[in-house]
Amino acid sequence: ARHPLLSLHCGPDFRRAVVPLDLDYGKDGRVVLVSGPNAGGKTAALKTLGLTCVMALAGLPCLVGALTSLPFLGRLDSDLSDEQDLEHHLSTYAAKLTALRRMMASADSRTLLLLDELGSGTDPREGGALGLAVLESLAAAGTHVFATTHQPELKRLIEGRPGMQNAGMVFDEVAGKPTYRLIQG
């Protein structure tokens, strides 16, 4: 899938200019945890997936490959920003917890959750442990999850767990720039 707004911005040359998100949940489960460099495309990939699913459910044309299949979703929810609110004494961490509690309350096998920077806002070990507990619960519910993280502990903890897989945004070290391509596994 290609991000529709990026594609519109690039005009007729969008197929060359916009790197497509190639994602396969396959038989490895419904939880994909994506890591990679800052400005490497993690959040754009997350938004591409969400927009594509919503557009498909609305009957709108999507910029996807001919063999693309999407799940029939009953619900999509996301935590894409820092909802810190000093006026209401809500730290970044507390805001993340509030969003996770809301999302987990009704997550099921027809739900897609988009979680940006899972485990952030606290000590990396605590964030990793919290992130793992969240992902285990969502995997057990059969929820489709696409999450991004910089938490090394979380990436290590989900490796080999049933229903979960690591993925990463590729960085071209020779050229010194991101490729915006997702590699799973």
N, C-alpha and C. Protein backbone atom coordinates (compact mmCIF):
# COMPACT_ATOMS: atom_id res chain seq x y z
N ALA A 1 0.85 -1.19 0.00
CA ALA A 1 0.00 0.00 0.00
C ALA A 1 0.89 1.24 0.00
N ARG A 2 0.41 2.25 -0.68
CA ARG A 2 1.10 3.55 -0.64
C ARG A 2 0.23 4.55 0.12
N HIS A 3 0.88 5.40 0.89
CA HIS A 3 0.17 6.41 1.66
C HIS A 3 -0.55 7.34 0.68
N PRO A 4 -1.87 7.51 0.82
CA PRO A 4 -2.62 8.30 -0.17
C PRO A 4 -2.23 9.78 -0.22
N LEU A 5 -1.95 10.39 0.91
CA LEU A 5 -1.59 11.81 0.89
C LEU A 5 -0.20 12.04 0.30
N LEU A 6 0.74 11.16 0.63
CA LEU A 6 2.07 11.27 0.02
C LEU A 6 1.97 11.08 -1.49
N SER A 7 1.13 10.14 -1.90
CA SER A 7 0.96 9.86 -3.33
C SER A 7 0.33 11.05 -4.05
N LEU A 8 -0.68 11.67 -3.44
CA LEU A 8 -1.29 12.86 -4.05
C LEU A 8 -0.27 13.98 -4.18
N HIS A 9 0.54 14.14 -3.14
CA HIS A 9 1.56 15.19 -3.16
C HIS A 9 2.58 14.99 -4.29
N CYS A 10 2.88 13.74 -4.61
CA CYS A 10 3.88 13.44 -5.64
C CYS A 10 3.30 13.46 -7.06
N GLY A 11 1.99 13.47 -7.17
CA GLY A 11 1.36 13.55 -8.49
C GLY A 11 1.54 12.29 -9.31
N PRO A 12 1.57 12.45 -10.64
CA PRO A 12 1.60 11.28 -11.53
C PRO A 12 2.81 10.37 -11.33
N ASP A 13 3.87 10.88 -10.73
CA ASP A 13 5.08 10.10 -10.53
C ASP A 13 5.08 9.35 -9.19
N PHE A 14 3.89 9.21 -8.56
CA PHE A 14 3.83 8.66 -7.21
C PHE A 14 4.37 7.23 -7.11
N ARG A 15 4.23 6.43 -8.16
CA ARG A 15 4.69 5.04 -8.08
C ARG A 15 6.21 4.96 -7.91
N ARG A 16 6.93 5.90 -8.44
CA ARG A 16 8.38 5.94 -8.27
C ARG A 16 8.77 6.66 -6.98
N ALA A 17 8.01 7.68 -6.63
CA ALA A 17 8.40 8.55 -5.52
C ALA A 17 7.98 8.04 -4.13
N VAL A 18 6.90 7.27 -4.05
CA VAL A 18 6.40 6.84 -2.74
C VAL A 18 6.67 5.34 -2.56
N VAL A 19 7.47 5.02 -1.56
CA VAL A 19 7.80 3.62 -1.27
C VAL A 19 6.57 2.94 -0.67
N PRO A 20 6.15 1.82 -1.25
CA PRO A 20 4.97 1.14 -0.71
C PRO A 20 5.29 0.38 0.59
N LEU A 21 4.28 0.26 1.43
CA LEU A 21 4.37 -0.57 2.63
C LEU A 21 4.00 -1.99 2.21
N ASP A 22 4.92 -2.91 2.41
CA ASP A 22 4.69 -4.31 2.10
C ASP A 22 4.64 -5.07 3.42
N LEU A 23 3.44 -5.45 3.84
CA LEU A 23 3.23 -6.05 5.15
C LEU A 23 2.45 -7.34 5.00
N ASP A 24 2.91 -8.39 5.68
CA ASP A 24 2.24 -9.67 5.64
C ASP A 24 2.11 -10.20 7.06
N TYR A 25 0.89 -10.19 7.59
CA TYR A 25 0.68 -10.76 8.91
C TYR A 25 0.83 -12.27 8.86
N GLY A 26 0.43 -12.89 7.76
CA GLY A 26 0.65 -14.30 7.52
C GLY A 26 0.30 -15.19 8.69
N LYS A 27 1.00 -16.30 8.76
CA LYS A 27 0.72 -17.26 9.82
C LYS A 27 1.53 -16.99 11.09
N ASP A 28 2.37 -15.96 11.06
CA ASP A 28 3.19 -15.64 12.22
C ASP A 28 2.43 -14.86 13.29
N GLY A 29 1.17 -14.56 13.06
CA GLY A 29 0.39 -13.87 14.08
C GLY A 29 -0.09 -12.52 13.64
N ARG A 30 -0.73 -11.87 14.56
CA ARG A 30 -1.38 -10.60 14.26
C ARG A 30 -0.70 -9.42 14.91
N VAL A 31 0.40 -9.62 15.60
CA VAL A 31 1.11 -8.53 16.27
C VAL A 31 2.44 -8.31 15.57
N VAL A 32 2.64 -7.11 15.02
CA VAL A 32 3.89 -6.74 14.37
C VAL A 32 4.47 -5.55 15.13
N LEU A 33 5.70 -5.69 15.62
CA LEU A 33 6.40 -4.64 16.34
C LEU A 33 7.52 -4.12 15.46
N VAL A 34 7.46 -2.84 15.12
CA VAL A 34 8.39 -2.24 14.17
C VAL A 34 9.37 -1.31 14.89
N SER A 35 10.64 -1.50 14.59
CA SER A 35 11.66 -0.60 15.11
C SER A 35 12.45 -0.05 13.93
N GLY A 36 13.33 0.86 14.23
CA GLY A 36 14.16 1.46 13.18
C GLY A 36 14.57 2.86 13.57
N PRO A 37 15.33 3.50 12.70
CA PRO A 37 15.87 4.82 13.03
C PRO A 37 14.79 5.90 13.07
N ASN A 38 15.09 6.98 13.79
CA ASN A 38 14.22 8.14 13.74
C ASN A 38 14.16 8.63 12.30
N ALA A 39 13.00 9.11 11.89
CA ALA A 39 12.76 9.60 10.52
C ALA A 39 12.94 8.50 9.49
N GLY A 40 12.76 7.23 9.91
CA GLY A 40 12.93 6.10 8.99
C GLY A 40 11.64 5.60 8.38
N GLY A 41 10.49 6.16 8.79
CA GLY A 41 9.23 5.79 8.17
C GLY A 41 8.31 4.93 9.03
N LYS A 42 8.63 4.71 10.30
CA LYS A 42 7.80 3.86 11.15
C LYS A 42 6.38 4.41 11.28
N THR A 43 6.26 5.67 11.65
CA THR A 43 4.94 6.26 11.84
C THR A 43 4.20 6.40 10.52
N ALA A 44 4.90 6.73 9.46
CA ALA A 44 4.25 6.81 8.14
C ALA A 44 3.71 5.44 7.73
N ALA A 45 4.44 4.37 8.03
CA ALA A 45 3.95 3.02 7.73
C ALA A 45 2.70 2.71 8.54
N LEU A 46 2.71 3.09 9.81
CA LEU A 46 1.57 2.88 10.68
C LEU A 46 0.33 3.61 10.14
N LYS A 47 0.52 4.84 9.73
CA LYS A 47 -0.59 5.64 9.19
C LYS A 47 -1.04 5.10 7.83
N THR A 48 -0.12 4.61 7.03
CA THR A 48 -0.48 4.03 5.73
C THR A 48 -1.41 2.84 5.93
N LEU A 49 -1.07 1.97 6.86
CA LEU A 49 -1.92 0.81 7.15
C LEU A 49 -3.30 1.25 7.61
N GLY A 50 -3.35 2.17 8.55
CA GLY A 50 -4.63 2.64 9.08
C GLY A 50 -5.50 3.29 8.01
N LEU A 51 -4.92 4.20 7.24
CA LEU A 51 -5.68 4.87 6.18
C LEU A 51 -6.18 3.89 5.13
N THR A 52 -5.33 2.95 4.76
CA THR A 52 -5.72 1.97 3.75
C THR A 52 -6.90 1.13 4.23
N CYS A 53 -6.84 0.67 5.47
CA CYS A 53 -7.94 -0.13 6.00
C CYS A 53 -9.24 0.67 6.09
N VAL A 54 -9.16 1.90 6.56
CA VAL A 54 -10.36 2.74 6.67
C VAL A 54 -10.93 3.06 5.28
N MET A 55 -10.06 3.38 4.34
CA MET A 55 -10.53 3.68 2.98
C MET A 55 -11.20 2.46 2.36
N ALA A 56 -10.62 1.28 2.56
CA ALA A 56 -11.21 0.06 2.00
C ALA A 56 -12.58 -0.20 2.61
N LEU A 57 -12.70 -0.03 3.92
CA LEU A 57 -13.99 -0.25 4.58
C LEU A 57 -15.04 0.75 4.13
N ALA A 58 -14.60 1.95 3.74
CA ALA A 58 -15.52 2.98 3.26
C ALA A 58 -15.84 2.82 1.78
N GLY A 59 -15.23 1.83 1.14
CA GLY A 59 -15.48 1.61 -0.28
C GLY A 59 -14.72 2.55 -1.19
N LEU A 60 -13.68 3.16 -0.67
CA LEU A 60 -12.86 4.08 -1.47
C LEU A 60 -11.73 3.32 -2.14
N PRO A 61 -11.30 3.78 -3.29
CA PRO A 61 -10.15 3.13 -3.94
C PRO A 61 -8.89 3.29 -3.09
N CYS A 62 -8.09 2.24 -3.05
CA CYS A 62 -6.85 2.24 -2.27
C CYS A 62 -5.67 2.01 -3.20
N LEU A 63 -4.55 2.59 -2.85
CA LEU A 63 -3.32 2.41 -3.63
C LEU A 63 -2.60 1.16 -3.14
N VAL A 64 -3.08 0.01 -3.58
CA VAL A 64 -2.53 -1.27 -3.14
C VAL A 64 -2.24 -2.15 -4.35
N GLY A 65 -1.43 -3.17 -4.13
CA GLY A 65 -1.13 -4.14 -5.17
C GLY A 65 -2.35 -4.99 -5.48
N ALA A 66 -2.34 -5.60 -6.65
CA ALA A 66 -3.48 -6.39 -7.14
C ALA A 66 -3.80 -7.58 -6.23
N LEU A 67 -2.82 -8.15 -5.56
CA LEU A 67 -3.06 -9.33 -4.73
C LEU A 67 -3.24 -8.99 -3.25
N THR A 68 -3.42 -7.72 -2.95
CA THR A 68 -3.56 -7.29 -1.56
C THR A 68 -4.89 -7.76 -0.99
N SER A 69 -4.83 -8.25 0.25
CA SER A 69 -6.07 -8.55 0.98
C SER A 69 -5.99 -7.85 2.32
N LEU A 70 -7.12 -7.35 2.75
CA LEU A 70 -7.21 -6.64 4.01
C LEU A 70 -8.24 -7.33 4.90
N PRO A 71 -8.04 -7.29 6.22
CA PRO A 71 -9.03 -7.91 7.10
C PRO A 71 -10.31 -7.10 7.13
N PHE A 72 -11.43 -7.76 7.37
CA PHE A 72 -12.69 -7.06 7.56
C PHE A 72 -12.73 -6.63 9.02
N LEU A 73 -12.53 -5.36 9.25
CA LEU A 73 -12.42 -4.84 10.61
C LEU A 73 -13.76 -4.30 11.11
N GLY A 74 -13.97 -4.46 12.40
CA GLY A 74 -15.12 -3.86 13.04
C GLY A 74 -14.73 -2.61 13.81
N ARG A 75 -13.41 -2.48 14.05
CA ARG A 75 -12.94 -1.36 14.86
C ARG A 75 -11.47 -1.08 14.56
N LEU A 76 -11.14 0.21 14.54
CA LEU A 76 -9.75 0.65 14.40
C LEU A 76 -9.54 1.72 15.44
N ASP A 77 -8.43 1.63 16.17
CA ASP A 77 -8.11 2.64 17.17
C ASP A 77 -6.61 2.88 17.12
N SER A 78 -6.20 4.04 17.60
CA SER A 78 -4.78 4.36 17.53
C SER A 78 -4.34 5.23 18.69
N ASP A 79 -3.04 5.17 18.92
CA ASP A 79 -2.35 6.07 19.83
C ASP A 79 -1.14 6.57 19.05
N LEU A 80 -1.33 7.72 18.40
CA LEU A 80 -0.31 8.22 17.47
C LEU A 80 0.41 9.47 17.94
N SER A 81 0.04 10.00 19.08
CA SER A 81 0.66 11.26 19.47
C SER A 81 0.90 11.29 20.98
N ASP A 82 1.55 12.32 21.42
CA ASP A 82 1.80 12.54 22.83
C ASP A 82 0.64 13.37 23.37
N GLU A 83 -0.22 12.74 24.15
CA GLU A 83 -1.40 13.41 24.67
C GLU A 83 -1.16 13.99 26.07
N GLN A 84 0.08 14.37 26.32
CA GLN A 84 0.41 14.97 27.61
C GLN A 84 -0.50 16.19 27.82
N ASP A 85 -0.97 16.36 29.05
CA ASP A 85 -1.86 17.47 29.38
C ASP A 85 -1.52 17.97 30.77
N LEU A 86 -0.70 19.00 30.83
CA LEU A 86 -0.25 19.51 32.12
C LEU A 86 -1.39 20.11 32.92
N GLU A 87 -2.37 20.70 32.25
CA GLU A 87 -3.51 21.30 32.93
C GLU A 87 -4.29 20.26 33.74
N HIS A 88 -4.36 19.03 33.23
CA HIS A 88 -5.08 17.95 33.92
C HIS A 88 -4.12 16.95 34.57
N HIS A 89 -2.86 17.36 34.77
CA HIS A 89 -1.85 16.55 35.45
C HIS A 89 -1.66 15.18 34.77
N LEU A 90 -1.62 15.18 33.46
CA LEU A 90 -1.48 13.95 32.69
C LEU A 90 -0.11 13.96 31.99
N SER A 91 0.80 13.15 32.51
CA SER A 91 2.13 13.05 31.91
C SER A 91 2.05 12.25 30.61
N THR A 92 3.14 12.23 29.86
CA THR A 92 3.19 11.41 28.64
C THR A 92 2.89 9.96 28.99
N TYR A 93 3.50 9.46 30.03
CA TYR A 93 3.31 8.07 30.44
C TYR A 93 1.86 7.81 30.83
N ALA A 94 1.29 8.69 31.64
CA ALA A 94 -0.11 8.52 32.06
C ALA A 94 -1.05 8.58 30.86
N ALA A 95 -0.76 9.46 29.92
CA ALA A 95 -1.59 9.55 28.71
C ALA A 95 -1.51 8.26 27.90
N LYS A 96 -0.31 7.68 27.79
CA LYS A 96 -0.14 6.41 27.07
C LYS A 96 -0.93 5.30 27.78
N LEU A 97 -0.87 5.25 29.10
CA LEU A 97 -1.61 4.24 29.85
C LEU A 97 -3.12 4.40 29.65
N THR A 98 -3.59 5.64 29.66
CA THR A 98 -5.02 5.90 29.45
C THR A 98 -5.46 5.42 28.07
N ALA A 99 -4.65 5.71 27.06
CA ALA A 99 -4.98 5.28 25.69
C ALA A 99 -4.96 3.76 25.59
N LEU A 100 -3.97 3.11 26.18
CA LEU A 100 -3.89 1.64 26.14
C LEU A 100 -5.08 1.00 26.84
N ARG A 101 -5.47 1.54 27.99
CA ARG A 101 -6.62 1.00 28.71
C ARG A 101 -7.89 1.11 27.84
N ARG A 102 -8.08 2.25 27.20
CA ARG A 102 -9.24 2.46 26.33
C ARG A 102 -9.24 1.44 25.18
N MET A 103 -8.09 1.27 24.55
CA MET A 103 -8.01 0.39 23.38
C MET A 103 -8.17 -1.08 23.76
N MET A 104 -7.57 -1.48 24.87
CA MET A 104 -7.62 -2.89 25.26
C MET A 104 -9.01 -3.31 25.75
N ALA A 105 -9.80 -2.35 26.22
CA ALA A 105 -11.11 -2.67 26.79
C ALA A 105 -12.03 -3.35 25.79
N SER A 106 -11.92 -3.02 24.51
CA SER A 106 -12.84 -3.61 23.54
C SER A 106 -12.12 -4.25 22.36
N ALA A 107 -10.85 -4.55 22.51
CA ALA A 107 -10.09 -5.16 21.42
C ALA A 107 -10.49 -6.62 21.23
N ASP A 108 -10.69 -7.00 19.98
CA ASP A 108 -11.01 -8.39 19.66
C ASP A 108 -10.40 -8.74 18.31
N SER A 109 -10.80 -9.85 17.73
CA SER A 109 -10.19 -10.32 16.49
C SER A 109 -10.56 -9.49 15.26
N ARG A 110 -11.52 -8.58 15.39
CA ARG A 110 -11.88 -7.71 14.27
C ARG A 110 -11.39 -6.27 14.51
N THR A 111 -10.42 -6.13 15.41
CA THR A 111 -9.88 -4.82 15.77
C THR A 111 -8.46 -4.67 15.23
N LEU A 112 -8.16 -3.48 14.71
CA LEU A 112 -6.79 -3.11 14.36
C LEU A 112 -6.38 -1.98 15.29
N LEU A 113 -5.27 -2.18 16.01
CA LEU A 113 -4.74 -1.15 16.88
C LEU A 113 -3.40 -0.67 16.33
N LEU A 114 -3.26 0.62 16.23
CA LEU A 114 -2.02 1.26 15.76
C LEU A 114 -1.40 1.96 16.96
N LEU A 115 -0.23 1.49 17.38
CA LEU A 115 0.40 1.99 18.59
C LEU A 115 1.77 2.58 18.25
N ASP A 116 1.88 3.89 18.33
CA ASP A 116 3.15 4.54 18.02
C ASP A 116 3.94 4.74 19.30
N GLU A 117 5.20 4.30 19.27
CA GLU A 117 6.13 4.44 20.40
C GLU A 117 5.64 3.70 21.64
N LEU A 118 5.27 2.42 21.46
CA LEU A 118 4.83 1.59 22.58
C LEU A 118 5.95 1.47 23.61
N GLY A 119 5.59 1.66 24.86
CA GLY A 119 6.55 1.54 25.94
C GLY A 119 7.32 2.81 26.23
N SER A 120 6.98 3.90 25.56
CA SER A 120 7.72 5.15 25.78
C SER A 120 7.15 5.92 26.97
N GLY A 121 7.88 6.91 27.38
CA GLY A 121 7.42 7.79 28.45
C GLY A 121 7.82 7.35 29.84
N THR A 122 8.59 6.26 29.93
CA THR A 122 9.03 5.77 31.24
C THR A 122 10.38 5.09 31.09
N ASP A 123 10.90 4.55 32.17
CA ASP A 123 12.15 3.81 32.15
C ASP A 123 12.07 2.71 31.09
N PRO A 124 13.11 2.51 30.28
CA PRO A 124 13.07 1.51 29.21
C PRO A 124 12.72 0.09 29.68
N ARG A 125 13.22 -0.33 30.83
CA ARG A 125 12.89 -1.68 31.31
C ARG A 125 11.42 -1.78 31.68
N GLU A 126 10.91 -0.75 32.36
CA GLU A 126 9.49 -0.75 32.72
C GLU A 126 8.62 -0.63 31.48
N GLY A 127 9.03 0.22 30.54
CA GLY A 127 8.28 0.37 29.29
C GLY A 127 8.26 -0.91 28.49
N GLY A 128 9.39 -1.62 28.49
CA GLY A 128 9.46 -2.90 27.78
C GLY A 128 8.54 -3.93 28.41
N ALA A 129 8.53 -4.00 29.73
CA ALA A 129 7.67 -4.96 30.43
C ALA A 129 6.20 -4.63 30.21
N LEU A 130 5.85 -3.36 30.30
CA LEU A 130 4.47 -2.95 30.06
C LEU A 130 4.06 -3.26 28.61
N GLY A 131 4.94 -2.92 27.66
CA GLY A 131 4.65 -3.19 26.26
C GLY A 131 4.44 -4.67 26.00
N LEU A 132 5.26 -5.51 26.61
CA LEU A 132 5.11 -6.96 26.43
C LEU A 132 3.77 -7.44 26.98
N ALA A 133 3.38 -6.97 28.17
CA ALA A 133 2.11 -7.38 28.75
C ALA A 133 0.94 -6.96 27.85
N VAL A 134 1.01 -5.76 27.31
CA VAL A 134 -0.03 -5.28 26.40
C VAL A 134 -0.09 -6.16 25.15
N LEU A 135 1.06 -6.41 24.53
CA LEU A 135 1.09 -7.19 23.30
C LEU A 135 0.65 -8.63 23.53
N GLU A 136 1.03 -9.22 24.67
CA GLU A 136 0.58 -10.58 24.97
C GLU A 136 -0.93 -10.64 25.11
N SER A 137 -1.51 -9.68 25.78
CA SER A 137 -2.95 -9.63 25.96
C SER A 137 -3.67 -9.46 24.62
N LEU A 138 -3.16 -8.57 23.78
CA LEU A 138 -3.78 -8.33 22.48
C LEU A 138 -3.61 -9.53 21.56
N ALA A 139 -2.45 -10.19 21.61
CA ALA A 139 -2.24 -11.40 20.80
C ALA A 139 -3.22 -12.49 21.23
N ALA A 140 -3.43 -12.64 22.52
CA ALA A 140 -4.37 -13.65 23.03
C ALA A 140 -5.80 -13.37 22.57
N ALA A 141 -6.13 -12.09 22.39
CA ALA A 141 -7.47 -11.71 21.93
C ALA A 141 -7.59 -11.81 20.41
N GLY A 142 -6.48 -12.09 19.72
CA GLY A 142 -6.51 -12.18 18.26
C GLY A 142 -6.56 -10.84 17.58
N THR A 143 -6.20 -9.78 18.29
CA THR A 143 -6.25 -8.42 17.76
C THR A 143 -5.13 -8.19 16.76
N HIS A 144 -5.44 -7.49 15.66
CA HIS A 144 -4.41 -7.06 14.72
C HIS A 144 -3.73 -5.85 15.35
N VAL A 145 -2.40 -5.90 15.49
CA VAL A 145 -1.65 -4.81 16.10
C VAL A 145 -0.47 -4.47 15.21
N PHE A 146 -0.28 -3.18 14.99
CA PHE A 146 0.91 -2.67 14.31
C PHE A 146 1.45 -1.61 15.24
N ALA A 147 2.59 -1.89 15.85
CA ALA A 147 3.16 -1.01 16.87
C ALA A 147 4.59 -0.64 16.51
N THR A 148 4.97 0.57 16.88
CA THR A 148 6.36 1.00 16.70
C THR A 148 6.99 1.17 18.07
N THR A 149 8.31 1.00 18.13
CA THR A 149 9.01 1.18 19.40
C THR A 149 10.49 1.47 19.16
N HIS A 150 11.09 2.07 20.17
CA HIS A 150 12.55 2.20 20.25
C HIS A 150 13.06 1.43 21.45
N GLN A 151 12.19 0.70 22.14
CA GLN A 151 12.53 -0.01 23.36
C GLN A 151 13.30 -1.30 23.05
N PRO A 152 14.60 -1.34 23.30
CA PRO A 152 15.37 -2.56 23.02
C PRO A 152 14.88 -3.76 23.80
N GLU A 153 14.45 -3.54 25.04
CA GLU A 153 13.96 -4.63 25.87
C GLU A 153 12.70 -5.26 25.26
N LEU A 154 11.81 -4.45 24.76
CA LEU A 154 10.57 -4.94 24.17
C LEU A 154 10.85 -5.74 22.91
N LYS A 155 11.74 -5.25 22.06
CA LYS A 155 12.10 -5.99 20.84
C LYS A 155 12.65 -7.36 21.18
N ARG A 156 13.47 -7.42 22.21
CA ARG A 156 14.08 -8.69 22.63
C ARG A 156 13.03 -9.62 23.25
N LEU A 157 12.11 -9.07 24.03
CA LEU A 157 11.13 -9.88 24.74
C LEU A 157 10.12 -10.57 23.82
N ILE A 158 9.74 -9.93 22.69
CA ILE A 158 8.72 -10.57 21.86
C ILE A 158 9.29 -11.59 20.88
N GLU A 159 10.59 -11.60 20.71
CA GLU A 159 11.22 -12.53 19.77
C GLU A 159 10.83 -13.97 20.09
N GLY A 160 10.27 -14.65 19.10
CA GLY A 160 9.90 -16.06 19.25
C GLY A 160 8.60 -16.31 19.98
N ARG A 161 7.90 -15.26 20.41
CA ARG A 161 6.62 -15.45 21.10
C ARG A 161 5.53 -15.75 20.09
N PRO A 162 4.64 -16.65 20.41
CA PRO A 162 3.55 -17.00 19.49
C PRO A 162 2.67 -15.78 19.17
N GLY A 163 2.36 -15.63 17.90
CA GLY A 163 1.46 -14.56 17.47
C GLY A 163 2.12 -13.21 17.31
N MET A 164 3.45 -13.13 17.53
CA MET A 164 4.14 -11.84 17.46
C MET A 164 5.36 -11.94 16.55
N GLN A 165 5.68 -10.83 15.92
CA GLN A 165 6.88 -10.79 15.10
C GLN A 165 7.51 -9.40 15.13
N ASN A 166 8.83 -9.39 15.07
CA ASN A 166 9.57 -8.14 14.95
C ASN A 166 9.68 -7.76 13.48
N ALA A 167 9.78 -6.48 13.24
CA ALA A 167 10.01 -5.95 11.90
C ALA A 167 10.86 -4.68 12.06
N GLY A 168 11.47 -4.25 10.99
CA GLY A 168 12.29 -3.06 11.07
C GLY A 168 12.26 -2.26 9.79
N MET A 169 12.44 -0.98 9.94
CA MET A 169 12.57 -0.10 8.78
C MET A 169 14.05 -0.10 8.39
N VAL A 170 14.31 -0.34 7.12
CA VAL A 170 15.67 -0.49 6.63
C VAL A 170 16.35 0.88 6.49
N PHE A 171 17.60 0.92 6.93
CA PHE A 171 18.44 2.11 6.80
C PHE A 171 19.62 1.75 5.92
N ASP A 172 19.85 2.52 4.87
CA ASP A 172 20.97 2.29 3.97
C ASP A 172 22.21 2.95 4.59
N GLU A 173 23.06 2.12 5.19
CA GLU A 173 24.23 2.66 5.89
C GLU A 173 25.27 3.23 4.93
N VAL A 174 25.33 2.71 3.71
CA VAL A 174 26.29 3.23 2.72
C VAL A 174 25.89 4.64 2.30
N ALA A 175 24.61 4.81 1.98
CA ALA A 175 24.12 6.11 1.54
C ALA A 175 23.84 7.03 2.73
N GLY A 176 23.72 6.45 3.93
CA GLY A 176 23.46 7.24 5.12
C GLY A 176 22.05 7.80 5.19
N LYS A 177 21.08 7.04 4.64
CA LYS A 177 19.70 7.53 4.67
C LYS A 177 18.71 6.37 4.74
N PRO A 178 17.50 6.66 5.23
CA PRO A 178 16.49 5.60 5.31
C PRO A 178 15.98 5.21 3.93
N THR A 179 15.54 3.95 3.82
CA THR A 179 14.96 3.48 2.56
C THR A 179 13.43 3.48 2.61
N TYR A 180 12.86 3.60 3.81
CA TYR A 180 11.42 3.57 4.06
C TYR A 180 10.81 2.21 3.71
N ARG A 181 11.60 1.16 3.67
CA ARG A 181 11.12 -0.19 3.39
C ARG A 181 11.06 -0.98 4.71
N LEU A 182 9.99 -1.75 4.82
CA LEU A 182 9.78 -2.59 6.00
C LEU A 182 10.29 -3.99 5.72
N ILE A 183 11.07 -4.51 6.66
CA ILE A 183 11.54 -5.90 6.58
C ILE A 183 10.99 -6.62 7.81
N GLN A 184 10.31 -7.75 7.60
CA GLN A 184 9.74 -8.50 8.70
C GLN A 184 10.65 -9.66 9.09
N GLY A 185 10.57 -10.00 10.38
CA GLY A 185 11.35 -11.14 10.85
C GLY A 185 12.62 -10.72 11.55
